[in-house]
Amino acid sequence: MSTFKLPELGEGLAEGEVVSWKVKEGDTIRADSAMVEVMTDKATVEVPAPRSGIVKKLYYKAGEMAKVGAPLIDIEETGTASVETPKASAATPPAPKAAATAPSQAPTPVAAKPAQSSSERVLASPAVRRMARELSMDLSKVHGSGERGRVLRTDLSVSGQSIPSRVTQSTALEERIPFIGIRRKIADHLSKSMFTAVHFTHFDECDFTEIIKLREEANDYAQKNNLGVKLSYLPFFIKGSIAALKKYPILNSSLDTEKNEVVIKHYYHFGISVQTDNGLMVAVVRDCDKKDIFEIGREIKEVADRARTGKASLQDLTGSTITITNPGNIGGLYATPVINFPESVILGMFQIKKRPVVKEINGHDLIVSRPMMYTNITCDHRIVDGALAAGYLKTFCEYMENPARMAFI
C-alpha cells in the first residue's frame, strides 16, 4: 500500500481546499482518472490518480484544507502506473490539471476532464456534472434545453421535480448546505474586502437619451457591416468611465500596504461581474482605452461565455484594475456593491427607466419624460475622498449625457 501526497498546486501555494472527492474508501481507482478536486486562491485543480488500485484511506473531508506535501490518499496498488507517468514516485503523483479562476469574487471554473463516458461528452457546466454525479444520473440520457443541447440544472429532475443546486442534509424544518468550495471562497474574498477597505458609496443619475440613440445607430452599423456583435450599454459605460478616470486617475488604483504606496494604473482592465452556475465571477476585458466599442462589446461576450461554460483562463479572470457590477437587466433601482479588492473602487450600473425630470428647454423649466439610470461608485476611503468620488461621477454622467465629448467619437 502506498501513501500519496498532495502535489504542488502552483508557485507560492502551500495549501488548497478539498472541494470534492471523486472516489470513496473501498473504491477501485484507475491510474490518471480524476481523484479529487482541490481549490486554491488561483485555480481549481483536479488531481489525477497516480496508480491503479483500491482506495484504503482519504486523509481529508470535503471543506478541509490540505497542505502541499502532506498525505492525501492511501492506495493499495493492483496495477502499474500509466504510460504517461512511468517514473512517478509514491510520494509524487502526476501534476494536477488546472483551470484558472479569479482570485476575486470567488470564480472557479473546473478543468476539463478526459472523455471517459457518454456523460462526459454531453455539454454541461461543472456544477451540473457534479450534481449529476451526486444523483447518480447519466447526462447522456438527459434532454438538454440549453444552447446546442447543453444540459442545465433545471433539466435534471426526479419525478418531475427540480433538483436543488447541491445535495443537502435536511430535516422537516431546515436544511444544511455545505459551505465549502466556491461559496466559501466568495465569502473569504468579500470579508477581506469589507474588513480591509473602508467602504463608502456615492450616487448620481444619468439621462441616457443620447446613449440610447448612439447604441441604436452603432448596432445598425454593426449589422450592415457584418461585425458580428450586438452592443449592450456596457461598452458605452466603459468608455465614459475611462474618459472620467483620466480626469480622476487615482480612482484606477490600488494600495500597496507593504511599501506604503498608492499604485495608480495608467492602463484600463475592466472587470465585469458575471453570474454563473459556479458562482459570481469577474471576467476581465483588457486595455479598453485602446479598443473601440465594437471590440469591447465582442470581448465582453466572449469572456463572459467562457466564464459561464467553465472554459475561462487565468488571463480571463484576473488582473482587473476597476470593476463594474451591472444588475440593471435584472431590475431594482440601486445597490451598494462591495469593492473587488485590492481595487480602490467598483462602479454600479443599474436599471434604465423612464422617469419625470425637470429640464430647461428654451429658457423654461419643463417636466419631461427621460430614460434615467441611477449609477454609483463605491470607494476605498483610505485612498479616495468623497469629493473625488462626487466629481468623478458628475463628470461621468456629463459624458453619458453628451457622448460626443468622449474621445472615442
Protein backbone atom coordinates (compact mmCIF):
# COMPACT_ATOMS: atom_id res chain seq x y z
CA MET A 1 0.00 0.00 0.00
CA SER A 2 1.30 3.45 -0.91
CA THR A 3 0.56 6.86 0.57
CA PHE A 4 0.35 9.68 -1.97
CA LYS A 5 0.88 13.31 -1.02
CA LEU A 6 -0.76 16.46 -2.31
CA PRO A 7 1.47 17.73 -5.13
CA GLU A 8 2.47 21.34 -5.74
CA LEU A 9 -0.56 23.34 -6.89
CA GLY A 10 1.26 26.40 -8.20
CA GLU A 11 4.03 28.79 -7.33
CA GLY A 12 3.80 30.07 -3.80
CA LEU A 13 0.76 27.94 -2.90
CA ALA A 14 1.09 25.93 0.30
CA GLU A 15 -2.43 24.55 0.67
CA GLY A 16 -5.77 24.05 -1.04
CA GLU A 17 -9.34 23.31 -0.03
CA VAL A 18 -10.65 19.83 -0.79
CA VAL A 19 -13.85 20.63 -2.67
CA SER A 20 -14.94 17.09 -3.51
CA TRP A 21 -13.61 13.57 -3.77
CA LYS A 22 -14.32 11.59 -6.93
CA VAL A 23 -13.74 8.35 -5.02
CA LYS A 24 -14.52 6.92 -1.60
CA GLU A 25 -12.76 4.41 0.59
CA GLY A 26 -13.10 0.91 -0.85
CA ASP A 27 -13.44 2.10 -4.47
CA THR A 28 -11.25 0.74 -7.23
CA ILE A 29 -9.46 3.61 -8.94
CA ARG A 30 -7.75 3.70 -12.32
CA ALA A 31 -4.46 5.48 -12.96
CA ASP A 32 -4.88 9.02 -14.33
CA SER A 33 -8.61 9.14 -13.56
CA ALA A 34 -9.94 12.14 -11.61
CA MET A 35 -9.34 11.54 -7.93
CA VAL A 36 -10.02 14.78 -6.01
CA GLU A 37 -10.92 18.40 -6.76
CA VAL A 38 -8.85 20.97 -4.87
CA MET A 39 -9.40 24.75 -4.86
CA THR A 40 -6.68 27.33 -4.29
CA ASP A 41 -6.67 31.12 -4.44
CA LYS A 42 -5.59 30.91 -8.07
CA ALA A 43 -7.15 27.78 -9.53
CA THR A 44 -9.40 24.79 -9.16
CA VAL A 45 -7.47 21.64 -9.95
CA GLU A 46 -8.40 18.01 -10.40
CA VAL A 47 -5.65 15.78 -9.09
CA PRO A 48 -5.44 12.52 -11.08
CA ALA A 49 -4.76 9.13 -9.52
CA PRO A 50 -1.06 8.26 -9.81
CA ARG A 51 -1.69 4.48 -9.71
CA SER A 52 -4.44 1.96 -10.20
CA GLY A 53 -5.64 0.26 -7.05
CA ILE A 54 -8.09 0.21 -4.18
CA VAL A 55 -8.68 3.33 -2.11
CA LYS A 56 -7.88 2.50 1.50
CA LYS A 57 -7.91 5.91 3.21
CA LEU A 58 -8.83 9.53 2.45
CA TYR A 59 -6.95 11.94 4.70
CA TYR A 60 -9.29 14.94 4.28
CA LYS A 61 -13.01 15.57 4.13
CA ALA A 62 -14.67 17.99 1.70
CA GLY A 63 -14.21 21.53 3.01
CA GLU A 64 -10.94 20.84 4.83
CA MET A 65 -7.63 22.49 3.92
CA ALA A 66 -4.95 20.12 2.63
CA LYS A 67 -1.27 21.00 2.91
CA VAL A 68 1.03 20.62 -0.09
CA GLY A 69 3.32 17.64 0.58
CA ALA A 70 1.05 16.19 3.27
CA PRO A 71 -0.53 12.71 2.92
CA LEU A 72 -3.61 12.85 0.73
CA ILE A 73 -4.72 9.30 -0.01
CA ASP A 74 -3.69 5.67 0.59
CA ILE A 75 -3.98 3.33 -2.39
CA GLU A 76 -3.41 -0.42 -2.34
CA GLU A 77 -1.88 -0.94 -5.74
CA THR A 78 -3.33 -3.55 -8.07
CA GLY A 79 -1.62 -2.42 -11.28
CA THR A 80 1.22 -0.34 -12.61
CA ALA A 81 1.44 3.31 -13.37
CA SER A 82 0.07 4.63 -16.65
CA VAL A 83 2.34 5.19 -19.66
CA GLU A 84 2.21 8.94 -19.05
CA THR A 85 3.66 8.63 -15.52
CA PRO A 86 6.16 5.74 -15.62
CA LYS A 87 8.55 7.27 -13.07
CA ALA A 88 6.14 8.86 -10.60
CA SER A 89 7.15 8.03 -7.05
CA ALA A 90 4.76 7.02 -4.33
CA ALA A 91 5.02 10.45 -2.82
CA THR A 92 4.78 12.46 -6.04
CA PRO A 93 1.60 11.98 -8.13
CA PRO A 94 1.37 13.48 -11.61
CA ALA A 95 0.87 17.22 -11.82
CA PRO A 96 -2.77 18.20 -11.34
CA LYS A 97 -4.83 19.52 -14.22
CA ALA A 98 -5.76 23.13 -13.55
CA ALA A 99 -8.36 25.60 -14.72
CA ALA A 100 -7.76 29.24 -13.84
CA THR A 101 -10.11 31.16 -11.64
CA ALA A 102 -10.25 34.73 -10.46
CA PRO A 103 -8.81 35.31 -7.03
CA SER A 104 -11.55 37.92 -6.74
CA GLN A 105 -15.22 37.27 -6.13
CA ALA A 106 -14.53 33.55 -5.93
CA PRO A 107 -14.76 32.48 -9.54
CA THR A 108 -13.85 28.76 -10.04
CA PRO A 109 -14.22 27.10 -13.43
CA VAL A 110 -13.23 23.42 -13.28
CA ALA A 111 -10.64 21.82 -15.50
CA ALA A 112 -11.95 19.76 -18.38
CA LYS A 113 -11.75 16.01 -17.75
CA PRO A 114 -10.70 13.41 -20.31
CA ALA A 115 -13.67 11.94 -22.17
CA GLN A 116 -14.33 8.65 -20.40
CA SER A 117 -18.08 8.11 -20.73
CA SER A 118 -21.11 9.17 -22.68
CA SER A 119 -21.93 11.63 -19.90
CA GLU A 120 -18.54 13.35 -20.32
CA ARG A 121 -19.34 14.09 -23.97
CA VAL A 122 -22.55 15.94 -23.10
CA LEU A 123 -22.40 19.76 -22.94
CA ALA A 124 -22.89 20.78 -19.30
CA SER A 125 -21.28 23.07 -16.74
CA PRO A 126 -19.05 21.61 -13.98
CA ALA A 127 -21.77 22.36 -11.41
CA VAL A 128 -24.34 20.40 -13.41
CA ARG A 129 -21.91 17.50 -13.88
CA ARG A 130 -21.20 17.43 -10.14
CA MET A 131 -24.91 17.43 -9.38
CA ALA A 132 -25.50 14.59 -11.83
CA ARG A 133 -22.73 12.53 -10.18
CA GLU A 134 -24.21 13.13 -6.73
CA LEU A 135 -27.60 11.97 -8.01
CA SER A 136 -26.14 9.02 -9.99
CA MET A 137 -27.70 10.39 -13.18
CA ASP A 138 -26.38 9.68 -16.70
CA LEU A 139 -26.21 13.03 -18.51
CA SER A 140 -26.32 11.31 -21.91
CA LYS A 141 -29.92 10.32 -21.12
CA VAL A 142 -30.99 13.84 -20.12
CA HIS A 143 -32.52 16.14 -22.75
CA GLY A 144 -30.63 19.43 -22.61
CA SER A 145 -32.71 22.57 -23.05
CA GLY A 146 -29.75 24.95 -23.33
CA GLU A 147 -27.86 26.22 -26.37
CA ARG A 148 -26.54 23.36 -28.55
CA GLY A 149 -28.29 20.88 -26.28
CA ARG A 150 -26.42 21.98 -23.13
CA VAL A 151 -27.84 20.33 -20.02
CA LEU A 152 -28.98 22.89 -17.45
CA ARG A 153 -29.65 22.44 -13.76
CA THR A 154 -33.37 22.65 -14.43
CA ASP A 155 -33.09 19.72 -16.85
CA LEU A 156 -32.13 17.40 -14.00
CA SER A 157 -35.36 16.19 -12.47
CA VAL A 158 -36.76 13.33 -10.48
CA SER A 159 -40.48 12.60 -10.77
CA GLY A 160 -40.91 15.96 -12.48
CA GLN A 161 -39.45 17.92 -9.55
CA SER A 162 -36.49 20.27 -9.82
CA ILE A 163 -33.22 19.22 -8.22
CA PRO A 164 -31.55 21.66 -5.79
CA SER A 165 -28.19 23.10 -6.79
CA ARG A 166 -26.36 20.99 -4.18
CA VAL A 167 -27.26 17.84 -2.36
CA THR A 168 -28.06 18.92 1.19
CA GLN A 169 -28.78 17.44 4.57
CA SER A 170 -32.29 18.35 5.62
CA THR A 171 -34.90 17.86 8.30
CA ALA A 172 -38.58 18.71 8.27
CA LEU A 173 -37.95 22.33 9.25
CA GLU A 174 -34.47 23.19 7.97
CA GLU A 175 -31.77 22.17 5.53
CA ARG A 176 -28.00 22.38 5.76
CA ILE A 177 -25.93 23.21 2.68
CA PRO A 178 -22.16 22.56 2.91
CA PHE A 179 -20.42 25.94 3.00
CA ILE A 180 -17.37 24.91 1.03
CA GLY A 181 -15.73 25.48 -2.34
CA ILE A 182 -16.91 28.45 -4.36
CA ARG A 183 -19.27 29.97 -1.80
CA ARG A 184 -16.63 29.89 0.91
CA LYS A 185 -14.05 31.41 -1.46
CA ILE A 186 -16.51 34.20 -2.27
CA ALA A 187 -17.11 34.73 1.44
CA ASP A 188 -13.39 34.88 2.20
CA HIS A 189 -12.74 37.43 -0.55
CA LEU A 190 -15.67 39.67 0.34
CA SER A 191 -14.82 39.51 4.03
CA LYS A 192 -11.26 40.57 3.27
CA SER A 193 -12.58 43.47 1.22
CA MET A 194 -15.08 44.62 3.84
CA PHE A 195 -12.64 44.34 6.76
CA THR A 196 -9.70 45.91 4.92
CA ALA A 197 -11.06 48.64 2.63
CA VAL A 198 -13.05 51.47 4.20
CA HIS A 199 -16.19 51.49 2.06
CA PHE A 200 -18.39 54.43 1.16
CA THR A 201 -20.80 54.82 -1.76
CA HIS A 202 -21.75 57.92 -3.76
CA PHE A 203 -24.84 58.03 -6.02
CA ASP A 204 -25.88 60.04 -9.05
CA GLU A 205 -28.18 59.66 -12.05
CA CYS A 206 -27.70 59.92 -15.81
CA ASP A 207 -30.06 60.78 -18.66
CA PHE A 208 -29.45 58.00 -21.21
CA THR A 209 -31.38 59.60 -24.08
CA GLU A 210 -28.30 60.21 -26.22
CA ILE A 211 -26.61 56.90 -25.38
CA ILE A 212 -29.78 55.04 -26.41
CA LYS A 213 -29.72 56.80 -29.78
CA LEU A 214 -26.00 56.17 -30.20
CA ARG A 215 -26.37 52.49 -29.34
CA GLU A 216 -29.14 52.04 -31.91
CA GLU A 217 -27.01 53.72 -34.58
CA ALA A 218 -23.97 51.62 -33.65
CA ASN A 219 -25.93 48.36 -33.78
CA ASP A 220 -27.36 49.30 -37.19
CA TYR A 221 -23.82 49.95 -38.38
CA ALA A 222 -22.58 46.64 -36.96
CA GLN A 223 -25.39 44.72 -38.65
CA LYS A 224 -24.89 46.37 -42.06
CA ASN A 225 -21.15 45.74 -41.93
CA ASN A 226 -21.38 42.18 -40.58
CA LEU A 227 -19.31 42.92 -37.49
CA GLY A 228 -20.86 40.01 -35.62
CA VAL A 229 -21.63 41.90 -32.44
CA LYS A 230 -24.73 43.38 -30.82
CA LEU A 231 -23.88 46.08 -28.32
CA SER A 232 -25.31 46.41 -24.85
CA TYR A 233 -24.93 49.67 -22.92
CA LEU A 234 -21.86 48.32 -21.13
CA PRO A 235 -19.24 49.30 -23.78
CA PHE A 236 -20.53 52.90 -23.68
CA PHE A 237 -20.44 52.83 -19.88
CA ILE A 238 -16.82 51.63 -20.01
CA LYS A 239 -15.79 54.34 -22.48
CA GLY A 240 -17.46 57.03 -20.38
CA SER A 241 -15.73 55.63 -17.29
CA ILE A 242 -12.32 55.82 -18.94
CA ALA A 243 -12.90 59.40 -20.06
CA ALA A 244 -13.76 60.36 -16.47
CA LEU A 245 -10.94 58.28 -14.96
CA LYS A 246 -8.39 60.22 -16.99
CA LYS A 247 -9.50 63.30 -15.08
CA TYR A 248 -9.53 61.40 -11.75
CA PRO A 249 -6.69 58.87 -12.20
CA ILE A 250 -6.36 57.95 -8.53
CA LEU A 251 -9.62 56.02 -8.77
CA ASN A 252 -7.91 53.48 -11.04
CA SER A 253 -5.51 52.37 -8.33
CA SER A 254 -4.67 50.01 -5.50
CA LEU A 255 -2.88 50.39 -2.17
CA ASP A 256 0.46 48.65 -1.59
CA THR A 257 0.46 48.46 2.21
CA GLU A 258 3.91 46.84 2.39
CA LYS A 259 5.58 49.77 0.62
CA ASN A 260 3.05 52.40 1.77
CA GLU A 261 2.38 53.44 -1.82
CA VAL A 262 -0.75 54.10 -3.85
CA VAL A 263 -0.28 52.39 -7.22
CA ILE A 264 -2.07 54.36 -9.97
CA LYS A 265 -2.66 52.31 -13.12
CA HIS A 266 -2.43 54.08 -16.47
CA TYR A 267 -3.99 51.11 -18.19
CA TYR A 268 -7.64 50.14 -18.04
CA HIS A 269 -8.52 46.49 -17.48
CA PHE A 270 -12.24 46.35 -16.70
CA GLY A 271 -13.66 43.57 -14.57
CA ILE A 272 -17.26 42.66 -15.43
CA SER A 273 -19.35 40.79 -12.86
CA VAL A 274 -20.74 37.60 -14.39
CA GLN A 275 -23.22 35.31 -12.64
CA THR A 276 -22.59 31.65 -13.48
CA ASP A 277 -23.69 28.22 -12.26
CA ASN A 278 -20.42 28.13 -10.31
CA GLY A 279 -20.98 31.45 -8.53
CA LEU A 280 -20.06 35.06 -9.19
CA MET A 281 -17.01 35.59 -11.39
CA VAL A 282 -15.23 38.71 -12.60
CA ALA A 283 -14.44 38.42 -16.30
CA VAL A 284 -11.72 40.83 -17.46
CA VAL A 285 -11.53 42.87 -20.68
CA ARG A 286 -8.06 44.36 -21.02
CA ASP A 287 -6.78 47.65 -22.44
CA CYS A 288 -10.25 49.07 -23.02
CA ASP A 289 -8.81 52.52 -23.78
CA LYS A 290 -7.14 51.05 -26.88
CA LYS A 291 -10.29 49.37 -28.23
CA ASP A 292 -13.45 50.69 -29.87
CA ILE A 293 -16.94 49.93 -28.61
CA PHE A 294 -17.36 47.02 -31.04
CA GLU A 295 -14.16 45.33 -29.90
CA ILE A 296 -15.12 45.82 -26.26
CA GLY A 297 -18.64 44.51 -26.87
CA ARG A 298 -17.31 41.41 -28.64
CA GLU A 299 -14.74 40.68 -25.93
CA ILE A 300 -17.29 41.13 -23.12
CA LYS A 301 -19.50 38.45 -24.67
CA GLU A 302 -16.63 36.09 -25.40
CA VAL A 303 -15.03 36.23 -21.96
CA ALA A 304 -18.42 36.06 -20.19
CA ASP A 305 -19.36 32.99 -22.26
CA ARG A 306 -16.09 31.30 -21.32
CA ALA A 307 -16.71 32.07 -17.65
CA ARG A 308 -20.23 30.62 -17.78
CA THR A 309 -19.11 27.42 -19.53
CA GLY A 310 -16.08 26.81 -17.31
CA LYS A 311 -13.58 27.49 -20.10
CA ALA A 312 -12.13 30.73 -18.79
CA SER A 313 -8.35 31.03 -18.47
CA LEU A 314 -6.38 32.73 -15.71
CA GLN A 315 -5.94 35.67 -18.10
CA ASP A 316 -9.73 35.92 -18.44
CA LEU A 317 -10.36 36.15 -14.72
CA THR A 318 -7.50 38.11 -13.16
CA GLY A 319 -5.76 41.45 -13.45
CA SER A 320 -8.68 43.88 -13.48
CA THR A 321 -7.91 47.43 -12.35
CA ILE A 322 -11.53 48.55 -11.87
CA THR A 323 -14.79 46.58 -11.80
CA ILE A 324 -18.35 47.22 -12.95
CA THR A 325 -21.36 45.48 -11.48
CA ASN A 326 -24.34 45.60 -13.83
CA PRO A 327 -27.55 44.19 -12.29
CA GLY A 328 -29.73 46.60 -14.28
CA ASN A 329 -31.04 43.88 -16.59
CA ILE A 330 -32.44 42.09 -13.53
CA GLY A 331 -34.16 45.14 -12.04
CA GLY A 332 -34.03 47.28 -8.95
CA LEU A 333 -33.08 50.92 -8.56
CA TYR A 334 -29.62 50.68 -6.98
CA ALA A 335 -27.44 48.77 -4.53
CA THR A 336 -24.18 49.29 -2.65
CA PRO A 337 -21.62 46.92 -4.20
CA VAL A 338 -18.55 45.61 -2.40
CA ILE A 339 -15.13 46.56 -3.78
CA ASN A 340 -13.31 43.89 -5.77
CA PHE A 341 -10.24 44.00 -3.55
CA PRO A 342 -7.48 45.17 -3.96
CA GLU A 343 -9.00 47.68 -6.40
CA SER A 344 -9.93 51.05 -4.91
CA VAL A 345 -13.42 51.43 -6.46
CA ILE A 346 -16.29 49.50 -8.00
CA LEU A 347 -18.82 51.10 -10.35
CA GLY A 348 -22.54 50.31 -10.32
CA MET A 349 -24.74 50.35 -13.43
CA PHE A 350 -28.43 49.90 -12.73
CA GLN A 351 -31.82 49.81 -14.43
CA ILE A 352 -32.62 52.38 -17.12
CA LYS A 353 -36.17 53.54 -16.53
CA LYS A 354 -38.30 56.42 -17.78
CA ARG A 355 -38.95 58.98 -15.05
CA PRO A 356 -40.30 62.53 -14.94
CA VAL A 357 -37.44 65.02 -14.67
CA VAL A 358 -37.13 68.81 -14.87
CA LYS A 359 -35.26 70.05 -17.95
CA GLU A 360 -34.54 73.61 -19.02
CA ILE A 361 -35.87 73.94 -22.57
CA ASN A 362 -35.75 77.30 -24.38
CA GLY A 363 -35.21 79.07 -21.09
CA HIS A 364 -38.13 77.37 -19.32
CA ASP A 365 -38.16 74.60 -16.72
CA LEU A 366 -40.35 71.78 -18.05
CA ILE A 367 -41.26 68.38 -16.64
CA VAL A 368 -40.41 65.79 -19.29
CA SER A 369 -40.07 62.00 -19.51
CA ARG A 370 -36.48 60.76 -19.84
CA PRO A 371 -34.76 57.34 -19.67
CA MET A 372 -32.81 57.73 -16.44
CA MET A 373 -30.31 55.43 -14.79
CA TYR A 374 -29.04 55.52 -11.23
CA THR A 375 -25.30 54.93 -11.06
CA ASN A 376 -22.90 54.80 -8.16
CA ILE A 377 -19.31 54.35 -7.14
CA THR A 378 -18.16 52.52 -4.02
CA CYS A 379 -14.69 53.64 -2.95
CA ASP A 380 -11.96 52.73 -0.50
CA HIS A 381 -11.91 55.82 1.72
CA ARG A 382 -8.27 55.17 2.59
CA ILE A 383 -7.41 56.24 -0.97
CA VAL A 384 -10.39 58.18 -2.32
CA ASP A 385 -12.04 61.22 -0.72
CA GLY A 386 -15.76 61.88 -1.05
CA ALA A 387 -15.22 65.00 -3.15
CA LEU A 388 -13.22 62.99 -5.70
CA ALA A 389 -15.96 60.35 -5.94
CA ALA A 390 -18.60 63.05 -6.44
CA GLY A 391 -16.50 64.83 -9.05
CA TYR A 392 -15.81 61.63 -10.92
CA LEU A 393 -19.46 60.58 -11.05
CA LYS A 394 -20.61 64.05 -12.12
CA THR A 395 -18.04 64.01 -14.94
CA PHE A 396 -19.05 60.50 -15.96
CA CYS A 397 -22.73 61.47 -16.17
CA GLU A 398 -21.83 64.50 -18.29
CA TYR A 399 -20.11 62.16 -20.76
CA MET A 400 -23.11 59.84 -20.80
CA GLU A 401 -25.48 62.72 -21.49
CA ASN A 402 -23.13 64.29 -24.06
CA PRO A 403 -21.30 61.34 -25.65
CA ALA A 404 -19.83 63.49 -28.43
CA ARG A 405 -17.42 64.84 -25.81
CA MET A 406 -15.83 61.43 -25.37
CA ALA A 407 -12.57 60.83 -27.13
CA PHE A 408 -13.78 57.69 -28.90
CA ILE A 409 -16.36 59.59 -31.04
